[in-house]
Amino acid sequence: MTTTVPPVVMVALPREAKAPRLQYPPVKVFFFSSSNYEAGVETIHTETGDFRSYVAEKTIVDCFRYRNRLGEDVAVEGLKNYLKRKDADLNLLFFYARKGRMYRVIKPYVEALMA
């Protein structure tokens, strides 16, 4: 979603879970409520196995939710890149924004970038 290469692996976990203790790679854990943790999860099948990831729209909403920790520039760049995609779905983006209580935060950015 962005050109920024994070210095750590970022992982979402439910609030009740314990953070993993790993020496390498460095891990940054974000704790989500169970409803927010389960929303927008897709399973990706690869040759090496299956893994779960969030859909692009949910990822953008989460970037705005944690914009103080990640950087507002990361959230805005991700939104710009998302809006350039042919498969961008504003209805789905706003659905996850409402579900995650970020609609009032994201809407002005979308309006400014679409103008």
PDB file of N, CA and C in Angstrom:
ATOM      1  N   MET A   1       0.817  -1.193   0.000  1.00  0.00           N
ATOM      2  CA  MET A   1       0.000   0.000   0.000  1.00  0.00           C
ATOM      3  C   MET A   1       0.867   1.265   0.000  1.00  0.00           C
ATOM      4  N   THR A   2       2.095   1.155   0.531  1.00  0.00           N
ATOM      5  CA  THR A   2       2.982   2.318   0.547  1.00  0.00           C
ATOM      6  C   THR A   2       4.372   1.908   0.078  1.00  0.00           C
ATOM      7  N   THR A   3       5.210   2.905  -0.117  1.00  0.00           N
ATOM      8  CA  THR A   3       6.603   2.647  -0.490  1.00  0.00           C
ATOM      9  C   THR A   3       7.481   2.538   0.743  1.00  0.00           C
ATOM     10  N   THR A   4       6.920   2.798   1.910  1.00  0.00           N
ATOM     11  CA  THR A   4       7.665   2.739   3.161  1.00  0.00           C
ATOM     12  C   THR A   4       7.960   1.286   3.531  1.00  0.00           C
ATOM     13  N   VAL A   5       9.210   1.003   3.832  1.00  0.00           N
ATOM     14  CA  VAL A   5       9.590  -0.334   4.281  1.00  0.00           C
ATOM     15  C   VAL A   5       9.668  -0.286   5.804  1.00  0.00           C
ATOM     16  N   PRO A   6       8.764  -0.998   6.476  1.00  0.00           N
ATOM     17  CA  PRO A   6       8.770  -0.938   7.946  1.00  0.00           C
ATOM     18  C   PRO A   6       9.980  -1.654   8.529  1.00  0.00           C
ATOM     19  N   PRO A   7      10.521  -1.129   9.614  1.00  0.00           N
ATOM     20  CA  PRO A   7      11.670  -1.771  10.251  1.00  0.00           C
ATOM     21  C   PRO A   7      11.293  -2.992  11.089  1.00  0.00           C
ATOM     22  N   VAL A   8       9.988  -3.221  11.262  1.00  0.00           N
ATOM     23  CA  VAL A   8       9.506  -4.335  12.066  1.00  0.00           C
ATOM     24  C   VAL A   8       8.342  -5.020  11.348  1.00  0.00           C
ATOM     25  N   VAL A   9       8.064  -6.252  11.750  1.00  0.00           N
ATOM     26  CA  VAL A   9       6.888  -6.961  11.266  1.00  0.00           C
ATOM     27  C   VAL A   9       5.722  -6.546  12.150  1.00  0.00           C
ATOM     28  N   MET A  10       4.635  -6.081  11.536  1.00  0.00           N
ATOM     29  CA  MET A  10       3.477  -5.623  12.300  1.00  0.00           C
ATOM     30  C   MET A  10       2.406  -6.698  12.291  1.00  0.00           C
ATOM     31  N   VAL A  11       1.899  -7.006  13.498  1.00  0.00           N
ATOM     32  CA  VAL A  11       0.959  -8.102  13.673  1.00  0.00           C
ATOM     33  C   VAL A  11      -0.246  -7.604  14.454  1.00  0.00           C
ATOM     34  N   ALA A  12      -1.426  -8.015  14.027  1.00  0.00           N
ATOM     35  CA  ALA A  12      -2.654  -7.718  14.765  1.00  0.00           C
ATOM     36  C   ALA A  12      -3.041  -8.948  15.574  1.00  0.00           C
ATOM     37  N   LEU A  13      -3.385  -8.715  16.828  1.00  0.00           N
ATOM     38  CA  LEU A  13      -3.819  -9.799  17.711  1.00  0.00           C
ATOM     39  C   LEU A  13      -5.058  -9.357  18.472  1.00  0.00           C
ATOM     40  N   PRO A  14      -5.895 -10.315  18.882  1.00  0.00           N
ATOM     41  CA  PRO A  14      -7.012  -9.951  19.748  1.00  0.00           C
ATOM     42  C   PRO A  14      -6.493  -9.471  21.097  1.00  0.00           C
ATOM     43  N   ARG A  15      -7.265  -8.661  21.772  1.00  0.00           N
ATOM     44  CA  ARG A  15      -6.838  -8.078  23.053  1.00  0.00           C
ATOM     45  C   ARG A  15      -6.462  -9.123  24.092  1.00  0.00           C
ATOM     46  N   GLU A  16      -7.129 -10.269  24.041  1.00  0.00           N
ATOM     47  CA  GLU A  16      -6.905 -11.300  25.052  1.00  0.00           C
ATOM     48  C   GLU A  16      -5.612 -12.069  24.829  1.00  0.00           C
ATOM     49  N   ALA A  17      -5.031 -11.976  23.647  1.00  0.00           N
ATOM     50  CA  ALA A  17      -3.847 -12.771  23.306  1.00  0.00           C
ATOM     51  C   ALA A  17      -2.584 -12.190  23.939  1.00  0.00           C
ATOM     52  N   LYS A  18      -1.598 -13.044  24.076  1.00  0.00           N
ATOM     53  CA  LYS A  18      -0.301 -12.599  24.571  1.00  0.00           C
ATOM     54  C   LYS A  18       0.603 -12.295  23.377  1.00  0.00           C
ATOM     55  N   ALA A  19       1.417 -11.283  23.516  1.00  0.00           N
ATOM     56  CA  ALA A  19       2.329 -10.896  22.442  1.00  0.00           C
ATOM     57  C   ALA A  19       3.419 -11.948  22.282  1.00  0.00           C
ATOM     58  N   PRO A  20       3.806 -12.258  21.041  1.00  0.00           N
ATOM     59  CA  PRO A  20       4.884 -13.232  20.837  1.00  0.00           C
ATOM     60  C   PRO A  20       6.226 -12.658  21.296  1.00  0.00           C
ATOM     61  N   ARG A  21       7.063 -13.532  21.806  1.00  0.00           N
ATOM     62  CA  ARG A  21       8.398 -13.117  22.247  1.00  0.00           C
ATOM     63  C   ARG A  21       9.409 -13.740  21.287  1.00  0.00           C
ATOM     64  N   LEU A  22       9.814 -12.927  20.339  1.00  0.00           N
ATOM     65  CA  LEU A  22      10.759 -13.396  19.330  1.00  0.00           C
ATOM     66  C   LEU A  22      12.017 -12.549  19.359  1.00  0.00           C
ATOM     67  N   GLN A  23      13.139 -13.177  19.127  1.00  0.00           N
ATOM     68  CA  GLN A  23      14.391 -12.440  19.000  1.00  0.00           C
ATOM     69  C   GLN A  23      14.464 -11.780  17.625  1.00  0.00           C
ATOM     70  N   TYR A  24      14.081 -12.553  16.609  1.00  0.00           N
ATOM     71  CA  TYR A  24      14.117 -12.051  15.246  1.00  0.00           C
ATOM     72  C   TYR A  24      12.979 -12.672  14.476  1.00  0.00           C
ATOM     73  N   PRO A  25      12.273 -12.012  13.667  1.00  0.00           N
ATOM     74  CA  PRO A  25      12.367 -10.593  13.345  1.00  0.00           C
ATOM     75  C   PRO A  25      11.721  -9.745  14.435  1.00  0.00           C
ATOM     76  N   PRO A  26      12.047  -8.444  14.487  1.00  0.00           N
ATOM     77  CA  PRO A  26      11.381  -7.571  15.448  1.00  0.00           C
ATOM     78  C   PRO A  26       9.892  -7.474  15.114  1.00  0.00           C
ATOM     79  N   VAL A  27       9.055  -7.571  16.125  1.00  0.00           N
ATOM     80  CA  VAL A  27       7.613  -7.594  15.929  1.00  0.00           C
ATOM     81  C   VAL A  27       6.968  -6.439  16.693  1.00  0.00           C
ATOM     82  N   LYS A  28       6.039  -5.748  16.032  1.00  0.00           N
ATOM     83  CA  LYS A  28       5.250  -4.703  16.669  1.00  0.00           C
ATOM     84  C   LYS A  28       3.806  -5.208  16.690  1.00  0.00           C
ATOM     85  N   VAL A  29       3.234  -5.317  17.861  1.00  0.00           N
ATOM     86  CA  VAL A  29       1.905  -5.900  18.014  1.00  0.00           C
ATOM     87  C   VAL A  29       0.871  -4.796  18.207  1.00  0.00           C
ATOM     88  N   PHE A  30      -0.239  -4.926  17.504  1.00  0.00           N
ATOM     89  CA  PHE A  30      -1.389  -4.047  17.664  1.00  0.00           C
ATOM     90  C   PHE A  30      -2.530  -4.913  18.175  1.00  0.00           C
ATOM     91  N   PHE A  31      -3.093  -4.538  19.307  1.00  0.00           N
ATOM     92  CA  PHE A  31      -4.185  -5.313  19.900  1.00  0.00           C
ATOM     93  C   PHE A  31      -5.523  -4.735  19.466  1.00  0.00           C
ATOM     94  N   PHE A  32      -6.389  -5.599  18.917  1.00  0.00           N
ATOM     95  CA  PHE A  32      -7.701  -5.206  18.420  1.00  0.00           C
ATOM     96  C   PHE A  32      -8.783  -5.859  19.269  1.00  0.00           C
ATOM     97  N   SER A  33      -9.947  -5.200  19.321  1.00  0.00           N
ATOM     98  CA  SER A  33     -11.118  -5.845  19.913  1.00  0.00           C
ATOM     99  C   SER A  33     -11.478  -7.034  19.019  1.00  0.00           C
ATOM    100  N   SER A  34     -12.201  -7.990  19.543  1.00  0.00           N
ATOM    101  CA  SER A  34     -12.490  -9.204  18.767  1.00  0.00           C
ATOM    102  C   SER A  34     -13.278  -8.887  17.494  1.00  0.00           C
ATOM    103  N   SER A  35     -14.232  -7.960  17.558  1.00  0.00           N
ATOM    104  CA  SER A  35     -15.003  -7.637  16.354  1.00  0.00           C
ATOM    105  C   SER A  35     -14.130  -6.933  15.319  1.00  0.00           C
ATOM    106  N   ASN A  36     -13.233  -6.079  15.761  1.00  0.00           N
ATOM    107  CA  ASN A  36     -12.345  -5.379  14.845  1.00  0.00           C
ATOM    108  C   ASN A  36     -11.257  -6.311  14.313  1.00  0.00           C
ATOM    109  N   TYR A  37     -10.861  -7.264  15.111  1.00  0.00           N
ATOM    110  CA  TYR A  37      -9.837  -8.226  14.706  1.00  0.00           C
ATOM    111  C   TYR A  37     -10.338  -9.152  13.599  1.00  0.00           C
ATOM    112  N   GLU A  38     -11.597  -9.553  13.689  1.00  0.00           N
ATOM    113  CA  GLU A  38     -12.151 -10.522  12.744  1.00  0.00           C
ATOM    114  C   GLU A  38     -12.665  -9.901  11.451  1.00  0.00           C
ATOM    115  N   ALA A  39     -12.898  -8.603  11.431  1.00  0.00           N
ATOM    116  CA  ALA A  39     -13.474  -7.939  10.252  1.00  0.00           C
ATOM    117  C   ALA A  39     -12.441  -7.818   9.134  1.00  0.00           C
ATOM    118  N   GLY A  40     -12.834  -8.188   7.934  1.00  0.00           N
ATOM    119  CA  GLY A  40     -11.999  -7.969   6.762  1.00  0.00           C
ATOM    120  C   GLY A  40     -10.847  -8.931   6.574  1.00  0.00           C
ATOM    121  N   VAL A  41     -10.907 -10.098   7.194  1.00  0.00           N
ATOM    122  CA  VAL A  41      -9.826 -11.070   7.066  1.00  0.00           C
ATOM    123  C   VAL A  41     -10.049 -11.919   5.821  1.00  0.00           C
ATOM    124  N   GLU A  42      -8.982 -12.103   5.045  1.00  0.00           N
ATOM    125  CA  GLU A  42      -9.034 -13.006   3.900  1.00  0.00           C
ATOM    126  C   GLU A  42      -7.901 -14.016   4.039  1.00  0.00           C
ATOM    127  N   THR A  43      -8.106 -15.208   3.522  1.00  0.00           N
ATOM    128  CA  THR A  43      -7.084 -16.240   3.556  1.00  0.00           C
ATOM    129  C   THR A  43      -6.415 -16.305   2.197  1.00  0.00           C
ATOM    130  N   ILE A  44      -5.101 -16.220   2.202  1.00  0.00           N
ATOM    131  CA  ILE A  44      -4.334 -16.256   0.963  1.00  0.00           C
ATOM    132  C   ILE A  44      -3.620 -17.597   0.890  1.00  0.00           C
ATOM    133  N   HIS A  45      -3.819 -18.293  -0.232  1.00  0.00           N
ATOM    134  CA  HIS A  45      -3.240 -19.609  -0.431  1.00  0.00           C
ATOM    135  C   HIS A  45      -1.955 -19.466  -1.266  1.00  0.00           C
ATOM    136  N   THR A  46      -0.858 -19.988  -0.763  1.00  0.00           N
ATOM    137  CA  THR A  46       0.413 -19.945  -1.480  1.00  0.00           C
ATOM    138  C   THR A  46       1.015 -21.345  -1.531  1.00  0.00           C
ATOM    139  N   GLU A  47       2.123 -21.471  -2.233  1.00  0.00           N
ATOM    140  CA  GLU A  47       2.804 -22.759  -2.324  1.00  0.00           C
ATOM    141  C   GLU A  47       3.336 -23.213  -0.969  1.00  0.00           C
ATOM    142  N   THR A  48       3.728 -22.249  -0.134  1.00  0.00           N
ATOM    143  CA  THR A  48       4.307 -22.593   1.162  1.00  0.00           C
ATOM    144  C   THR A  48       3.275 -22.738   2.262  1.00  0.00           C
ATOM    145  N   GLY A  49       2.024 -22.432   1.968  1.00  0.00           N
ATOM    146  CA  GLY A  49       0.973 -22.578   2.966  1.00  0.00           C
ATOM    147  C   GLY A  49      -0.038 -21.451   2.877  1.00  0.00           C
ATOM    148  N   ASP A  50      -0.959 -21.466   3.788  1.00  0.00           N
ATOM    149  CA  ASP A  50      -2.010 -20.453   3.833  1.00  0.00           C
ATOM    150  C   ASP A  50      -1.700 -19.452   4.937  1.00  0.00           C
ATOM    151  N   PHE A  51      -2.029 -18.198   4.677  1.00  0.00           N
ATOM    152  CA  PHE A  51      -1.924 -17.217   5.738  1.00  0.00           C
ATOM    153  C   PHE A  51      -3.068 -16.229   5.632  1.00  0.00           C
ATOM    154  N   ARG A  52      -3.369 -15.599   6.760  1.00  0.00           N
ATOM    155  CA  ARG A  52      -4.489 -14.677   6.834  1.00  0.00           C
ATOM    156  C   ARG A  52      -3.975 -13.250   6.776  1.00  0.00           C
ATOM    157  N   SER A  53      -4.703 -12.426   6.047  1.00  0.00           N
ATOM    158  CA  SER A  53      -4.337 -11.020   5.895  1.00  0.00           C
ATOM    159  C   SER A  53      -5.621 -10.210   5.828  1.00  0.00           C
ATOM    160  N   TYR A  54      -5.506  -8.917   6.046  1.00  0.00           N
ATOM    161  CA  TYR A  54      -6.670  -8.042   5.941  1.00  0.00           C
ATOM    162  C   TYR A  54      -6.825  -7.539   4.518  1.00  0.00           C
ATOM    163  N   VAL A  55      -8.071  -7.295   4.113  1.00  0.00           N
ATOM    164  CA  VAL A  55      -8.330  -6.711   2.803  1.00  0.00           C
ATOM    165  C   VAL A  55      -7.770  -5.290   2.789  1.00  0.00           C
ATOM    166  N   ALA A  56      -7.553  -4.760   1.605  1.00  0.00           N
ATOM    167  CA  ALA A  56      -6.918  -3.439   1.455  1.00  0.00           C
ATOM    168  C   ALA A  56      -7.701  -2.337   2.172  1.00  0.00           C
ATOM    169  N   GLU A  57      -9.009  -2.368   2.076  1.00  0.00           N
ATOM    170  CA  GLU A  57      -9.832  -1.329   2.690  1.00  0.00           C
ATOM    171  C   GLU A  57      -9.679  -1.315   4.210  1.00  0.00           C
ATOM    172  N   LYS A  58      -9.659  -2.489   4.810  1.00  0.00           N
ATOM    173  CA  LYS A  58      -9.481  -2.592   6.264  1.00  0.00           C
ATOM    174  C   LYS A  58      -8.087  -2.121   6.663  1.00  0.00           C
ATOM    175  N   THR A  59      -7.094  -2.419   5.836  1.00  0.00           N
ATOM    176  CA  THR A  59      -5.730  -1.992   6.109  1.00  0.00           C
ATOM    177  C   THR A  59      -5.628  -0.469   6.118  1.00  0.00           C
ATOM    178  N   ILE A  60      -6.272   0.185   5.159  1.00  0.00           N
ATOM    179  CA  ILE A  60      -6.262   1.654   5.108  1.00  0.00           C
ATOM    180  C   ILE A  60      -6.903   2.227   6.370  1.00  0.00           C
ATOM    181  N   VAL A  61      -8.032   1.677   6.772  1.00  0.00           N
ATOM    182  CA  VAL A  61      -8.715   2.146   7.978  1.00  0.00           C
ATOM    183  C   VAL A  61      -7.818   1.967   9.195  1.00  0.00           C
ATOM    184  N   ASP A  62      -7.146   0.842   9.299  1.00  0.00           N
ATOM    185  CA  ASP A  62      -6.243   0.601  10.431  1.00  0.00           C
ATOM    186  C   ASP A  62      -5.053   1.556  10.410  1.00  0.00           C
ATOM    187  N   CYS A  63      -4.559   1.891   9.230  1.00  0.00           N
ATOM    188  CA  CYS A  63      -3.462   2.871   9.138  1.00  0.00           C
ATOM    189  C   CYS A  63      -3.906   4.222   9.683  1.00  0.00           C
ATOM    190  N   PHE A  64      -5.138   4.602   9.402  1.00  0.00           N
ATOM    191  CA  PHE A  64      -5.642   5.867   9.947  1.00  0.00           C
ATOM    192  C   PHE A  64      -5.901   5.758  11.445  1.00  0.00           C
ATOM    193  N   ARG A  65      -6.344   4.599  11.907  1.00  0.00           N
ATOM    194  CA  ARG A  65      -6.571   4.414  13.338  1.00  0.00           C
ATOM    195  C   ARG A  65      -5.262   4.578  14.116  1.00  0.00           C
ATOM    196  N   TYR A  66      -4.192   4.039  13.577  1.00  0.00           N
ATOM    197  CA  TYR A  66      -2.894   4.089  14.251  1.00  0.00           C
ATOM    198  C   TYR A  66      -1.950   5.099  13.604  1.00  0.00           C
ATOM    199  N   ARG A  67      -2.494   6.143  13.030  1.00  0.00           N
ATOM    200  CA  ARG A  67      -1.680   7.133  12.333  1.00  0.00           C
ATOM    201  C   ARG A  67      -0.699   7.848  13.252  1.00  0.00           C
ATOM    202  N   ASN A  68      -1.000   7.943  14.532  1.00  0.00           N
ATOM    203  CA  ASN A  68      -0.057   8.568  15.460  1.00  0.00           C
ATOM    204  C   ASN A  68       1.152   7.677  15.722  1.00  0.00           C
ATOM    205  N   ARG A  69       0.973   6.376  15.636  1.00  0.00           N
ATOM    206  CA  ARG A  69       2.083   5.435  15.850  1.00  0.00           C
ATOM    207  C   ARG A  69       2.820   5.112  14.556  1.00  0.00           C
ATOM    208  N   LEU A  70       2.089   5.061  13.436  1.00  0.00           N
ATOM    209  CA  LEU A  70       2.694   4.725  12.148  1.00  0.00           C
ATOM    210  C   LEU A  70       3.202   5.954  11.400  1.00  0.00           C
ATOM    211  N   GLY A  71       2.518   7.068  11.601  1.00  0.00           N
ATOM    212  CA  GLY A  71       2.810   8.287  10.867  1.00  0.00           C
ATOM    213  C   GLY A  71       1.656   8.616   9.934  1.00  0.00           C
ATOM    214  N   GLU A  72       1.218   9.837   9.988  1.00  0.00           N
ATOM    215  CA  GLU A  72       0.099  10.244   9.135  1.00  0.00           C
ATOM    216  C   GLU A  72       0.477  10.145   7.663  1.00  0.00           C
ATOM    217  N   ASP A  73       1.740  10.363   7.345  1.00  0.00           N
ATOM    218  CA  ASP A  73       2.184  10.269   5.959  1.00  0.00           C
ATOM    219  C   ASP A  73       2.007   8.859   5.402  1.00  0.00           C
ATOM    220  N   VAL A  74       2.185   7.853   6.223  1.00  0.00           N
ATOM    221  CA  VAL A  74       1.989   6.468   5.792  1.00  0.00           C
ATOM    222  C   VAL A  74       0.519   6.219   5.474  1.00  0.00           C
ATOM    223  N   ALA A  75      -0.369   6.712   6.327  1.00  0.00           N
ATOM    224  CA  ALA A  75      -1.806   6.525   6.114  1.00  0.00           C
ATOM    225  C   ALA A  75      -2.262   7.242   4.845  1.00  0.00           C
ATOM    226  N   VAL A  76      -1.817   8.468   4.648  1.00  0.00           N
ATOM    227  CA  VAL A  76      -2.238   9.248   3.474  1.00  0.00           C
ATOM    228  C   VAL A  76      -1.667   8.640   2.190  1.00  0.00           C
ATOM    229  N   GLU A  77      -0.405   8.212   2.231  1.00  0.00           N
ATOM    230  CA  GLU A  77       0.184   7.588   1.047  1.00  0.00           C
ATOM    231  C   GLU A  77      -0.543   6.293   0.690  1.00  0.00           C
ATOM    232  N   GLY A  78      -0.897   5.511   1.700  1.00  0.00           N
ATOM    233  CA  GLY A  78      -1.653   4.287   1.452  1.00  0.00           C
ATOM    234  C   GLY A  78      -3.009   4.577   0.830  1.00  0.00           C
ATOM    235  N   LEU A  79      -3.673   5.614   1.332  1.00  0.00           N
ATOM    236  CA  LEU A  79      -4.976   5.995   0.767  1.00  0.00           C
ATOM    237  C   LEU A  79      -4.828   6.471  -0.671  1.00  0.00           C
ATOM    238  N   LYS A  80      -3.820   7.278  -0.959  1.00  0.00           N
ATOM    239  CA  LYS A  80      -3.590   7.752  -2.333  1.00  0.00           C
ATOM    240  C   LYS A  80      -3.376   6.577  -3.272  1.00  0.00           C
ATOM    241  N   ASN A  81      -2.522   5.657  -2.871  1.00  0.00           N
ATOM    242  CA  ASN A  81      -2.251   4.485  -3.715  1.00  0.00           C
ATOM    243  C   ASN A  81      -3.492   3.622  -3.876  1.00  0.00           C
ATOM    244  N   TYR A  82      -4.281   3.500  -2.831  1.00  0.00           N
ATOM    245  CA  TYR A  82      -5.514   2.719  -2.922  1.00  0.00           C
ATOM    246  C   TYR A  82      -6.487   3.353  -3.915  1.00  0.00           C
ATOM    247  N   LEU A  83      -6.643   4.671  -3.850  1.00  0.00           N
ATOM    248  CA  LEU A  83      -7.589   5.357  -4.734  1.00  0.00           C
ATOM    249  C   LEU A  83      -7.171   5.291  -6.201  1.00  0.00           C
ATOM    250  N   LYS A  84      -5.900   5.066  -6.481  1.00  0.00           N
ATOM    251  CA  LYS A  84      -5.410   4.942  -7.859  1.00  0.00           C
ATOM    252  C   LYS A  84      -5.707   3.569  -8.451  1.00  0.00           C
ATOM    253  N   ARG A  85      -5.990   2.601  -7.610  1.00  0.00           N
ATOM    254  CA  ARG A  85      -6.230   1.241  -8.078  1.00  0.00           C
ATOM    255  C   ARG A  85      -7.538   1.152  -8.856  1.00  0.00           C
ATOM    256  N   LYS A  86      -7.561   0.277  -9.843  1.00  0.00           N
ATOM    257  CA  LYS A  86      -8.774   0.067 -10.636  1.00  0.00           C
ATOM    258  C   LYS A  86      -9.864  -0.614  -9.820  1.00  0.00           C
ATOM    259  N   ASP A  87      -9.468  -1.423  -8.850  1.00  0.00           N
ATOM    260  CA  ASP A  87     -10.442  -2.149  -8.046  1.00  0.00           C
ATOM    261  C   ASP A  87     -10.795  -1.431  -6.737  1.00  0.00           C
ATOM    262  N   ALA A  88     -10.480  -0.137  -6.641  1.00  0.00           N
ATOM    263  CA  ALA A  88     -10.816   0.630  -5.431  1.00  0.00           C
ATOM    264  C   ALA A  88     -12.331   0.686  -5.266  1.00  0.00           C
ATOM    265  N   ASP A  89     -12.800   0.390  -4.070  1.00  0.00           N
ATOM    266  CA  ASP A  89     -14.233   0.351  -3.771  1.00  0.00           C
ATOM    267  C   ASP A  89     -14.495   1.271  -2.579  1.00  0.00           C
ATOM    268  N   LEU A  90     -14.966   2.490  -2.867  1.00  0.00           N
ATOM    269  CA  LEU A  90     -15.207   3.461  -1.803  1.00  0.00           C
ATOM    270  C   LEU A  90     -16.308   3.010  -0.855  1.00  0.00           C
ATOM    271  N   ASN A  91     -17.295   2.305  -1.359  1.00  0.00           N
ATOM    272  CA  ASN A  91     -18.354   1.805  -0.476  1.00  0.00           C
ATOM    273  C   ASN A  91     -17.788   0.841   0.563  1.00  0.00           C
ATOM    274  N   LEU A  92     -16.896  -0.035   0.129  1.00  0.00           N
ATOM    275  CA  LEU A  92     -16.283  -0.986   1.056  1.00  0.00           C
ATOM    276  C   LEU A  92     -15.332  -0.266   2.018  1.00  0.00           C
ATOM    277  N   LEU A  93     -14.596   0.723   1.515  1.00  0.00           N
ATOM    278  CA  LEU A  93     -13.708   1.508   2.376  1.00  0.00           C
ATOM    279  C   LEU A  93     -14.513   2.209   3.463  1.00  0.00           C
ATOM    280  N   PHE A  94     -15.613   2.843   3.071  1.00  0.00           N
ATOM    281  CA  PHE A  94     -16.438   3.538   4.056  1.00  0.00           C
ATOM    282  C   PHE A  94     -17.162   2.572   4.983  1.00  0.00           C
ATOM    283  N   PHE A  95     -17.472   1.356   4.503  1.00  0.00           N
ATOM    284  CA  PHE A  95     -18.068   0.342   5.370  1.00  0.00           C
ATOM    285  C   PHE A  95     -17.122   0.016   6.521  1.00  0.00           C
ATOM    286  N   TYR A  96     -15.849  -0.266   6.195  1.00  0.00           N
ATOM    287  CA  TYR A  96     -14.875  -0.584   7.240  1.00  0.00           C
ATOM    288  C   TYR A  96     -14.551   0.650   8.088  1.00  0.00           C
ATOM    289  N   ALA A  97     -14.597   1.827   7.489  1.00  0.00           N
ATOM    290  CA  ALA A  97     -14.357   3.055   8.259  1.00  0.00           C
ATOM    291  C   ALA A  97     -15.462   3.259   9.291  1.00  0.00           C
ATOM    292  N   ARG A  98     -16.710   3.014   8.903  1.00  0.00           N
ATOM    293  CA  ARG A  98     -17.814   3.134   9.867  1.00  0.00           C
ATOM    294  C   ARG A  98     -17.709   2.064  10.952  1.00  0.00           C
ATOM    295  N   LYS A  99     -17.411   0.862  10.532  1.00  0.00           N
ATOM    296  CA  LYS A  99     -17.302  -0.250  11.478  1.00  0.00           C
ATOM    297  C   LYS A  99     -16.186   0.011  12.495  1.00  0.00           C
ATOM    298  N   GLY A 100     -15.093   0.620  12.034  1.00  0.00           N
ATOM    299  CA  GLY A 100     -13.970   0.908  12.910  1.00  0.00           C
ATOM    300  C   GLY A 100     -13.998   2.309  13.506  1.00  0.00           C
ATOM    301  N   ARG A 101     -15.102   3.012  13.352  1.00  0.00           N
ATOM    302  CA  ARG A 101     -15.286   4.372  13.879  1.00  0.00           C
ATOM    303  C   ARG A 101     -14.208   5.348  13.389  1.00  0.00           C
ATOM    304  N   MET A 102     -13.868   5.231  12.118  1.00  0.00           N
ATOM    305  CA  MET A 102     -12.876   6.119  11.510  1.00  0.00           C
ATOM    306  C   MET A 102     -13.464   6.912  10.347  1.00  0.00           C
ATOM    307  N   TYR A 103     -14.776   6.825  10.148  1.00  0.00           N
ATOM    308  CA  TYR A 103     -15.418   7.465   9.001  1.00  0.00           C
ATOM    309  C   TYR A 103     -15.175   8.969   8.981  1.00  0.00           C
ATOM    310  N   ARG A 104     -15.358   9.632  10.116  1.00  0.00           N
ATOM    311  CA  ARG A 104     -15.174  11.087  10.166  1.00  0.00           C
ATOM    312  C   ARG A 104     -13.724  11.497   9.948  1.00  0.00           C
ATOM    313  N   VAL A 105     -12.814  10.613  10.211  1.00  0.00           N
ATOM    314  CA  VAL A 105     -11.396  10.900   9.996  1.00  0.00           C
ATOM    315  C   VAL A 105     -11.036  10.720   8.521  1.00  0.00           C
ATOM    316  N   ILE A 106     -11.489   9.635   7.917  1.00  0.00           N
ATOM    317  CA  ILE A 106     -11.094   9.286   6.552  1.00  0.00           C
ATOM    318  C   ILE A 106     -11.836  10.104   5.495  1.00  0.00           C
ATOM    319  N   LYS A 107     -13.096  10.399   5.716  1.00  0.00           N
ATOM    320  CA  LYS A 107     -13.917  11.065   4.698  1.00  0.00           C
ATOM    321  C   LYS A 107     -13.304  12.353   4.165  1.00  0.00           C
ATOM    322  N   PRO A 108     -12.808  13.267   5.009  1.00  0.00           N
ATOM    323  CA  PRO A 108     -12.202  14.491   4.456  1.00  0.00           C
ATOM    324  C   PRO A 108     -10.967  14.224   3.577  1.00  0.00           C
ATOM    325  N   TYR A 109     -10.184  13.219   3.924  1.00  0.00           N
ATOM    326  CA  TYR A 109      -9.029  12.862   3.106  1.00  0.00           C
ATOM    327  C   TYR A 109      -9.464  12.350   1.737  1.00  0.00           C
ATOM    328  N   VAL A 110     -10.477  11.492   1.731  1.00  0.00           N
ATOM    329  CA  VAL A 110     -10.978  10.948   0.468  1.00  0.00           C
ATOM    330  C   VAL A 110     -11.528  12.078  -0.390  1.00  0.00           C
ATOM    331  N   GLU A 111     -12.312  12.964   0.193  1.00  0.00           N
ATOM    332  CA  GLU A 111     -12.882  14.081  -0.549  1.00  0.00           C
ATOM    333  C   GLU A 111     -11.794  14.968  -1.133  1.00  0.00           C
ATOM    334  N   ALA A 112     -10.754  15.249  -0.369  1.00  0.00           N
ATOM    335  CA  ALA A 112      -9.670  16.101  -0.860  1.00  0.00           C
ATOM    336  C   ALA A 112      -8.894  15.436  -1.986  1.00  0.00           C
ATOM    337  N   LEU A 113      -8.660  14.141  -1.854  1.00  0.00           N
ATOM    338  CA  LEU A 113      -7.887  13.432  -2.878  1.00  0.00           C
ATOM    339  C   LEU A 113      -8.691  13.180  -4.150  1.00  0.00           C
ATOM    340  N   MET A 114      -9.999  13.123  -4.035  1.00  0.00           N
ATOM    341  CA  MET A 114     -10.847  12.882  -5.207  1.00  0.00           C
ATOM    342  C   MET A 114     -11.140  14.174  -5.974  1.00  0.00           C
ATOM    343  N   ALA A 115     -10.928  15.320  -5.337  1.00  0.00           N
ATOM    344  CA  ALA A 115     -11.237  16.606  -5.996  1.00  0.00           C
ATOM    345  C   ALA A 115     -10.211  16.939  -7.042  1.00  0.00           C
TER     346      ALA A 115
END
